[in-house]
Amino acid sequence: MDVPQRKTLLLLVAAGLLVAALTLVSRSTRPPGLPPDAVHRNLTRNGYCAPCHGAGADAPLRDRHPPKDDCLRCHPVAG
C-alpha cells in the first residue's frame, strides 16, 4: 500500500471514529422520557407537571434544570 492510500485509509478510519464518538455522546445526553406509570401515561399538557415537580413539591426539579414550563418538549411520553 503506497503512502497516499494509507493516508486516505487513516483519514477514513479517523472520520468513522469521530462519527461514532459524536453519536455516543449525543445519545448519552438526551433527557429521559416520562416513566410509563399510571401518573405519567396520559400526560398531555405541561401544566400537569408543576404539582409534583414544582418548587417545594415531592419531586422538585434541580435549580440548574433548563426552562421548567415546557416539559414535554424534551421529555417524551412513553408509548
PDB file of N, CA and C in Angstrom:
ATOM      1  N   MET A   1       0.864  -1.175   0.000  1.00  0.00           N
ATOM      2  CA  MET A   1       0.000   0.000   0.000  1.00  0.00           C
ATOM      3  C   MET A   1       0.907   1.234   0.000  1.00  0.00           C
ATOM      4  N   ASP A   2       0.689   2.132  -0.937  1.00  0.00           N
ATOM      5  CA  ASP A   2       1.532   3.323  -1.002  1.00  0.00           C
ATOM      6  C   ASP A   2       1.035   4.392  -0.029  1.00  0.00           C
ATOM      7  N   VAL A   3       1.815   5.444   0.143  1.00  0.00           N
ATOM      8  CA  VAL A   3       1.556   6.475   1.151  1.00  0.00           C
ATOM      9  C   VAL A   3       0.211   7.179   0.953  1.00  0.00           C
ATOM     10  N   PRO A   4      -0.185   7.620  -0.266  1.00  0.00           N
ATOM     11  CA  PRO A   4      -1.488   8.284  -0.405  1.00  0.00           C
ATOM     12  C   PRO A   4      -2.664   7.388  -0.013  1.00  0.00           C
ATOM     13  N   GLN A   5      -2.581   6.111  -0.356  1.00  0.00           N
ATOM     14  CA  GLN A   5      -3.669   5.194   0.020  1.00  0.00           C
ATOM     15  C   GLN A   5      -3.731   5.017   1.538  1.00  0.00           C
ATOM     16  N   ARG A   6      -2.567   4.923   2.156  1.00  0.00           N
ATOM     17  CA  ARG A   6      -2.503   4.752   3.603  1.00  0.00           C
ATOM     18  C   ARG A   6      -3.071   5.987   4.310  1.00  0.00           C
ATOM     19  N   LYS A   7      -2.732   7.177   3.825  1.00  0.00           N
ATOM     20  CA  LYS A   7      -3.259   8.413   4.412  1.00  0.00           C
ATOM     21  C   LYS A   7      -4.773   8.496   4.244  1.00  0.00           C
ATOM     22  N   THR A   8      -5.257   8.101   3.075  1.00  0.00           N
ATOM     23  CA  THR A   8      -6.700   8.111   2.836  1.00  0.00           C
ATOM     24  C   THR A   8      -7.403   7.138   3.772  1.00  0.00           C
ATOM     25  N   LEU A   9      -6.833   5.956   3.933  1.00  0.00           N
ATOM     26  CA  LEU A   9      -7.418   4.963   4.827  1.00  0.00           C
ATOM     27  C   LEU A   9      -7.430   5.467   6.264  1.00  0.00           C
ATOM     28  N   LEU A  10      -6.335   6.070   6.711  1.00  0.00           N
ATOM     29  CA  LEU A  10      -6.293   6.619   8.073  1.00  0.00           C
ATOM     30  C   LEU A  10      -7.308   7.739   8.263  1.00  0.00           C
ATOM     31  N   LEU A  11      -7.467   8.574   7.251  1.00  0.00           N
ATOM     32  CA  LEU A  11      -8.454   9.653   7.322  1.00  0.00           C
ATOM     33  C   LEU A  11      -9.870   9.093   7.433  1.00  0.00           C
ATOM     34  N   LEU A  12     -10.161   8.064   6.646  1.00  0.00           N
ATOM     35  CA  LEU A  12     -11.493   7.449   6.711  1.00  0.00           C
ATOM     36  C   LEU A  12     -11.744   6.791   8.068  1.00  0.00           C
ATOM     37  N   VAL A  13     -10.743   6.130   8.606  1.00  0.00           N
ATOM     38  CA  VAL A  13     -10.885   5.500   9.927  1.00  0.00           C
ATOM     39  C   VAL A  13     -11.093   6.572  10.994  1.00  0.00           C
ATOM     40  N   ALA A  14     -10.324   7.656  10.937  1.00  0.00           N
ATOM     41  CA  ALA A  14     -10.472   8.741  11.908  1.00  0.00           C
ATOM     42  C   ALA A  14     -11.855   9.377  11.799  1.00  0.00           C
ATOM     43  N   ALA A  15     -12.339   9.594  10.585  1.00  0.00           N
ATOM     44  CA  ALA A  15     -13.671  10.172  10.395  1.00  0.00           C
ATOM     45  C   ALA A  15     -14.743   9.233  10.955  1.00  0.00           C
ATOM     46  N   GLY A  16     -14.600   7.945  10.734  1.00  0.00           N
ATOM     47  CA  GLY A  16     -15.559   6.976  11.264  1.00  0.00           C
ATOM     48  C   GLY A  16     -15.574   6.967  12.783  1.00  0.00           C
ATOM     49  N   LEU A  17     -14.396   7.032  13.386  1.00  0.00           N
ATOM     50  CA  LEU A  17     -14.321   7.072  14.849  1.00  0.00           C
ATOM     51  C   LEU A  17     -14.939   8.351  15.400  1.00  0.00           C
ATOM     52  N   LEU A  18     -14.714   9.456  14.721  1.00  0.00           N
ATOM     53  CA  LEU A  18     -15.305  10.724  15.152  1.00  0.00           C
ATOM     54  C   LEU A  18     -16.829  10.665  15.094  1.00  0.00           C
ATOM     55  N   VAL A  19     -17.367  10.130  14.016  1.00  0.00           N
ATOM     56  CA  VAL A  19     -18.825   9.999  13.881  1.00  0.00           C
ATOM     57  C   VAL A  19     -19.372   9.088  14.985  1.00  0.00           C
ATOM     58  N   ALA A  20     -18.698   7.978  15.243  1.00  0.00           N
ATOM     59  CA  ALA A  20     -19.150   7.056  16.295  1.00  0.00           C
ATOM     60  C   ALA A  20     -19.123   7.731  17.665  1.00  0.00           C
ATOM     61  N   ALA A  21     -18.055   8.470  17.955  1.00  0.00           N
ATOM     62  CA  ALA A  21     -17.952   9.149  19.244  1.00  0.00           C
ATOM     63  C   ALA A  21     -19.037  10.211  19.402  1.00  0.00           C
ATOM     64  N   LEU A  22     -19.281  10.990  18.368  1.00  0.00           N
ATOM     65  CA  LEU A  22     -20.320  12.016  18.448  1.00  0.00           C
ATOM     66  C   LEU A  22     -21.702  11.403  18.613  1.00  0.00           C
ATOM     67  N   THR A  23     -21.944  10.280  17.970  1.00  0.00           N
ATOM     68  CA  THR A  23     -23.230   9.592  18.112  1.00  0.00           C
ATOM     69  C   THR A  23     -23.421   9.119  19.552  1.00  0.00           C
ATOM     70  N   LEU A  24     -22.396   8.527  20.127  1.00  0.00           N
ATOM     71  CA  LEU A  24     -22.499   8.062  21.520  1.00  0.00           C
ATOM     72  C   LEU A  24     -22.725   9.213  22.484  1.00  0.00           C
ATOM     73  N   VAL A  25     -22.025  10.309  22.297  1.00  0.00           N
ATOM     74  CA  VAL A  25     -22.177  11.465  23.184  1.00  0.00           C
ATOM     75  C   VAL A  25     -23.575  12.049  23.065  1.00  0.00           C
ATOM     76  N   SER A  26     -24.091  12.164  21.848  1.00  0.00           N
ATOM     77  CA  SER A  26     -25.414  12.761  21.683  1.00  0.00           C
ATOM     78  C   SER A  26     -26.502  11.886  22.290  1.00  0.00           C
ATOM     79  N   ARG A  27     -26.336  10.589  22.233  1.00  0.00           N
ATOM     80  CA  ARG A  27     -27.337   9.697  22.826  1.00  0.00           C
ATOM     81  C   ARG A  27     -27.275   9.701  24.343  1.00  0.00           C
ATOM     82  N   SER A  28     -26.111   9.881  24.906  1.00  0.00           N
ATOM     83  CA  SER A  28     -25.985   9.826  26.362  1.00  0.00           C
ATOM     84  C   SER A  28     -26.436  11.114  27.028  1.00  0.00           C
ATOM     85  N   THR A  29     -26.602  12.186  26.273  1.00  0.00           N
ATOM     86  CA  THR A  29     -27.007  13.446  26.879  1.00  0.00           C
ATOM     87  C   THR A  29     -28.481  13.770  26.647  1.00  0.00           C
ATOM     88  N   ARG A  30     -29.213  12.860  26.057  1.00  0.00           N
ATOM     89  CA  ARG A  30     -30.643  13.082  25.853  1.00  0.00           C
ATOM     90  C   ARG A  30     -31.385  13.024  27.181  1.00  0.00           C
ATOM     91  N   PRO A  31     -32.357  13.897  27.363  1.00  0.00           N
ATOM     92  CA  PRO A  31     -33.152  13.820  28.596  1.00  0.00           C
ATOM     93  C   PRO A  31     -33.996  12.541  28.595  1.00  0.00           C
ATOM     94  N   PRO A  32     -34.267  12.011  29.761  1.00  0.00           N
ATOM     95  CA  PRO A  32     -35.076  10.786  29.822  1.00  0.00           C
ATOM     96  C   PRO A  32     -36.524  11.067  29.449  1.00  0.00           C
ATOM     97  N   GLY A  33     -37.186  10.048  28.948  1.00  0.00           N
ATOM     98  CA  GLY A  33     -38.615  10.161  28.677  1.00  0.00           C
ATOM     99  C   GLY A  33     -39.394  10.073  29.984  1.00  0.00           C
ATOM    100  N   LEU A  34     -40.679  10.305  29.903  1.00  0.00           N
ATOM    101  CA  LEU A  34     -41.515  10.176  31.097  1.00  0.00           C
ATOM    102  C   LEU A  34     -41.647   8.707  31.462  1.00  0.00           C
ATOM    103  N   PRO A  35     -41.736   8.393  32.740  1.00  0.00           N
ATOM    104  CA  PRO A  35     -41.903   6.990  33.134  1.00  0.00           C
ATOM    105  C   PRO A  35     -43.249   6.457  32.633  1.00  0.00           C
ATOM    106  N   PRO A  36     -43.305   5.186  32.289  1.00  0.00           N
ATOM    107  CA  PRO A  36     -44.557   4.612  31.776  1.00  0.00           C
ATOM    108  C   PRO A  36     -45.512   4.176  32.887  1.00  0.00           C
ATOM    109  N   ASP A  37     -45.608   4.951  33.951  1.00  0.00           N
ATOM    110  CA  ASP A  37     -46.505   4.581  35.047  1.00  0.00           C
ATOM    111  C   ASP A  37     -47.866   5.266  34.880  1.00  0.00           C
ATOM    112  N   ALA A  38     -48.786   4.958  35.751  1.00  0.00           N
ATOM    113  CA  ALA A  38     -50.155   5.478  35.650  1.00  0.00           C
ATOM    114  C   ALA A  38     -50.204   7.001  35.759  1.00  0.00           C
ATOM    115  N   VAL A  39     -49.334   7.585  36.547  1.00  0.00           N
ATOM    116  CA  VAL A  39     -49.339   9.034  36.740  1.00  0.00           C
ATOM    117  C   VAL A  39     -48.938   9.766  35.452  1.00  0.00           C
ATOM    118  N   HIS A  40     -47.964   9.242  34.747  1.00  0.00           N
ATOM    119  CA  HIS A  40     -47.420   9.927  33.579  1.00  0.00           C
ATOM    120  C   HIS A  40     -47.981   9.426  32.238  1.00  0.00           C
ATOM    121  N   ARG A  41     -48.650   8.305  32.222  1.00  0.00           N
ATOM    122  CA  ARG A  41     -49.067   7.653  30.973  1.00  0.00           C
ATOM    123  C   ARG A  41     -49.907   8.549  30.068  1.00  0.00           C
ATOM    124  N   ASN A  42     -50.877   9.251  30.603  1.00  0.00           N
ATOM    125  CA  ASN A  42     -51.795  10.048  29.787  1.00  0.00           C
ATOM    126  C   ASN A  42     -51.508  11.552  29.865  1.00  0.00           C
ATOM    127  N   LEU A  43     -50.300  11.899  30.201  1.00  0.00           N
ATOM    128  CA  LEU A  43     -49.924  13.305  30.325  1.00  0.00           C
ATOM    129  C   LEU A  43     -49.919  13.962  28.949  1.00  0.00           C
ATOM    130  N   THR A  44     -50.654  15.058  28.814  1.00  0.00           N
ATOM    131  CA  THR A  44     -50.748  15.729  27.513  1.00  0.00           C
ATOM    132  C   THR A  44     -50.420  17.211  27.584  1.00  0.00           C
ATOM    133  N   ARG A  45     -50.370  17.775  28.788  1.00  0.00           N
ATOM    134  CA  ARG A  45     -50.098  19.214  28.922  1.00  0.00           C
ATOM    135  C   ARG A  45     -49.023  19.444  29.964  1.00  0.00           C
ATOM    136  N   ASN A  46     -48.215  20.458  29.736  1.00  0.00           N
ATOM    137  CA  ASN A  46     -47.132  20.776  30.657  1.00  0.00           C
ATOM    138  C   ASN A  46     -47.625  21.204  32.032  1.00  0.00           C
ATOM    139  N   GLY A  47     -48.776  21.785  32.132  1.00  0.00           N
ATOM    140  CA  GLY A  47     -49.289  22.270  33.405  1.00  0.00           C
ATOM    141  C   GLY A  47     -49.489  21.185  34.436  1.00  0.00           C
ATOM    142  N   TYR A  48     -49.599  19.945  34.000  1.00  0.00           N
ATOM    143  CA  TYR A  48     -49.813  18.842  34.934  1.00  0.00           C
ATOM    144  C   TYR A  48     -48.539  18.461  35.685  1.00  0.00           C
ATOM    145  N   CYS A  49     -47.404  18.993  35.270  1.00  0.00           N
ATOM    146  CA  CYS A  49     -46.125  18.620  35.880  1.00  0.00           C
ATOM    147  C   CYS A  49     -45.841  19.383  37.178  1.00  0.00           C
ATOM    148  N   ALA A  50     -46.266  20.631  37.236  1.00  0.00           N
ATOM    149  CA  ALA A  50     -45.911  21.514  38.353  1.00  0.00           C
ATOM    150  C   ALA A  50     -46.322  20.996  39.736  1.00  0.00           C
ATOM    151  N   PRO A  51     -47.488  20.392  39.916  1.00  0.00           N
ATOM    152  CA  PRO A  51     -47.840  19.955  41.272  1.00  0.00           C
ATOM    153  C   PRO A  51     -46.837  18.985  41.892  1.00  0.00           C
ATOM    154  N   CYS A  52     -46.217  18.157  41.092  1.00  0.00           N
ATOM    155  CA  CYS A  52     -45.234  17.196  41.618  1.00  0.00           C
ATOM    156  C   CYS A  52     -43.791  17.671  41.471  1.00  0.00           C
ATOM    157  N   HIS A  53     -43.513  18.464  40.428  1.00  0.00           N
ATOM    158  CA  HIS A  53     -42.132  18.824  40.124  1.00  0.00           C
ATOM    159  C   HIS A  53     -41.817  20.308  40.314  1.00  0.00           C
ATOM    160  N   GLY A  54     -42.753  21.068  40.862  1.00  0.00           N
ATOM    161  CA  GLY A  54     -42.513  22.486  41.137  1.00  0.00           C
ATOM    162  C   GLY A  54     -41.729  22.669  42.424  1.00  0.00           C
ATOM    163  N   ALA A  55     -41.361  23.891  42.717  1.00  0.00           N
ATOM    164  CA  ALA A  55     -40.614  24.195  43.944  1.00  0.00           C
ATOM    165  C   ALA A  55     -41.428  23.793  45.167  1.00  0.00           C
ATOM    166  N   GLY A  56     -40.801  23.102  46.087  1.00  0.00           N
ATOM    167  CA  GLY A  56     -41.456  22.683  47.319  1.00  0.00           C
ATOM    168  C   GLY A  56     -42.336  21.450  47.188  1.00  0.00           C
ATOM    169  N   ALA A  57     -42.414  20.865  46.017  1.00  0.00           N
ATOM    170  CA  ALA A  57     -43.235  19.660  45.806  1.00  0.00           C
ATOM    171  C   ALA A  57     -42.448  18.405  46.196  1.00  0.00           C
ATOM    172  N   ASP A  58     -43.077  17.255  46.048  1.00  0.00           N
ATOM    173  CA  ASP A  58     -42.446  15.984  46.424  1.00  0.00           C
ATOM    174  C   ASP A  58     -41.202  15.661  45.590  1.00  0.00           C
ATOM    175  N   ALA A  59     -41.205  16.007  44.314  1.00  0.00           N
ATOM    176  CA  ALA A  59     -40.086  15.692  43.418  1.00  0.00           C
ATOM    177  C   ALA A  59     -39.681  16.935  42.626  1.00  0.00           C
ATOM    178  N   PRO A  60     -39.183  17.966  43.315  1.00  0.00           N
ATOM    179  CA  PRO A  60     -38.859  19.224  42.620  1.00  0.00           C
ATOM    180  C   PRO A  60     -37.675  19.056  41.663  1.00  0.00           C
ATOM    181  N   LEU A  61     -37.659  19.907  40.636  1.00  0.00           N
ATOM    182  CA  LEU A  61     -36.554  19.898  39.687  1.00  0.00           C
ATOM    183  C   LEU A  61     -35.362  20.622  40.292  1.00  0.00           C
ATOM    184  N   ARG A  62     -34.174  20.280  39.835  1.00  0.00           N
ATOM    185  CA  ARG A  62     -32.961  20.948  40.315  1.00  0.00           C
ATOM    186  C   ARG A  62     -32.949  22.400  39.847  1.00  0.00           C
ATOM    187  N   ASP A  63     -32.225  23.228  40.554  1.00  0.00           N
ATOM    188  CA  ASP A  63     -32.125  24.644  40.196  1.00  0.00           C
ATOM    189  C   ASP A  63     -31.532  24.848  38.814  1.00  0.00           C
ATOM    190  N   ARG A  64     -30.596  24.000  38.412  1.00  0.00           N
ATOM    191  CA  ARG A  64     -29.936  24.178  37.120  1.00  0.00           C
ATOM    192  C   ARG A  64     -30.704  23.563  35.953  1.00  0.00           C
ATOM    193  N   HIS A  65     -31.884  23.006  36.218  1.00  0.00           N
ATOM    194  CA  HIS A  65     -32.716  22.445  35.150  1.00  0.00           C
ATOM    195  C   HIS A  65     -33.105  23.570  34.192  1.00  0.00           C
ATOM    196  N   PRO A  66     -33.061  23.312  32.879  1.00  0.00           N
ATOM    197  CA  PRO A  66     -33.447  24.350  31.908  1.00  0.00           C
ATOM    198  C   PRO A  66     -34.899  24.783  32.100  1.00  0.00           C
ATOM    199  N   PRO A  67     -35.418  25.681  31.284  1.00  0.00           N
ATOM    200  CA  PRO A  67     -36.784  26.204  31.484  1.00  0.00           C
ATOM    201  C   PRO A  67     -37.762  25.121  31.934  1.00  0.00           C
ATOM    202  N   LYS A  68     -38.468  25.448  32.985  1.00  0.00           N
ATOM    203  CA  LYS A  68     -39.292  24.441  33.664  1.00  0.00           C
ATOM    204  C   LYS A  68     -40.761  24.459  33.257  1.00  0.00           C
ATOM    205  N   ASP A  69     -41.087  25.110  32.159  1.00  0.00           N
ATOM    206  CA  ASP A  69     -42.501  25.209  31.788  1.00  0.00           C
ATOM    207  C   ASP A  69     -42.826  24.545  30.453  1.00  0.00           C
ATOM    208  N   ASP A  70     -41.895  23.774  29.892  1.00  0.00           N
ATOM    209  CA  ASP A  70     -42.123  23.108  28.616  1.00  0.00           C
ATOM    210  C   ASP A  70     -41.602  21.676  28.672  1.00  0.00           C
ATOM    211  N   CYS A  71     -42.077  20.930  29.639  1.00  0.00           N
ATOM    212  CA  CYS A  71     -41.553  19.592  29.941  1.00  0.00           C
ATOM    213  C   CYS A  71     -41.630  18.627  28.757  1.00  0.00           C
ATOM    214  N   LEU A  72     -42.765  18.624  28.073  1.00  0.00           N
ATOM    215  CA  LEU A  72     -42.983  17.630  27.033  1.00  0.00           C
ATOM    216  C   LEU A  72     -42.133  17.867  25.776  1.00  0.00           C
ATOM    217  N   ARG A  73     -41.499  18.998  25.679  1.00  0.00           N
ATOM    218  CA  ARG A  73     -40.606  19.248  24.546  1.00  0.00           C
ATOM    219  C   ARG A  73     -39.397  18.329  24.618  1.00  0.00           C
ATOM    220  N   CYS A  74     -38.839  18.157  25.799  1.00  0.00           N
ATOM    221  CA  CYS A  74     -37.637  17.337  25.974  1.00  0.00           C
ATOM    222  C   CYS A  74     -37.916  15.925  26.498  1.00  0.00           C
ATOM    223  N   HIS A  75     -38.972  15.783  27.285  1.00  0.00           N
ATOM    224  CA  HIS A  75     -39.287  14.508  27.907  1.00  0.00           C
ATOM    225  C   HIS A  75     -40.523  13.914  27.238  1.00  0.00           C
ATOM    226  N   PRO A  76     -40.325  13.041  26.246  1.00  0.00           N
ATOM    227  CA  PRO A  76     -41.479  12.490  25.531  1.00  0.00           C
ATOM    228  C   PRO A  76     -42.293  11.521  26.380  1.00  0.00           C
ATOM    229  N   VAL A  77     -43.558  11.437  26.068  1.00  0.00           N
ATOM    230  CA  VAL A  77     -44.444  10.489  26.734  1.00  0.00           C
ATOM    231  C   VAL A  77     -44.094   9.100  26.237  1.00  0.00           C
ATOM    232  N   ALA A  78     -43.926   8.154  27.164  1.00  0.00           N
ATOM    233  CA  ALA A  78     -43.603   6.769  26.790  1.00  0.00           C
ATOM    234  C   ALA A  78     -44.787   6.164  26.049  1.00  0.00           C
ATOM    235  N   GLY A  79     -44.496   5.445  25.011  1.00  0.00           N
ATOM    236  CA  GLY A  79     -45.576   4.877  24.210  1.00  0.00           C
ATOM    237  C   GLY A  79     -45.551   3.459  24.158  1.00  0.00           C
TER     238      GLY A  79
END
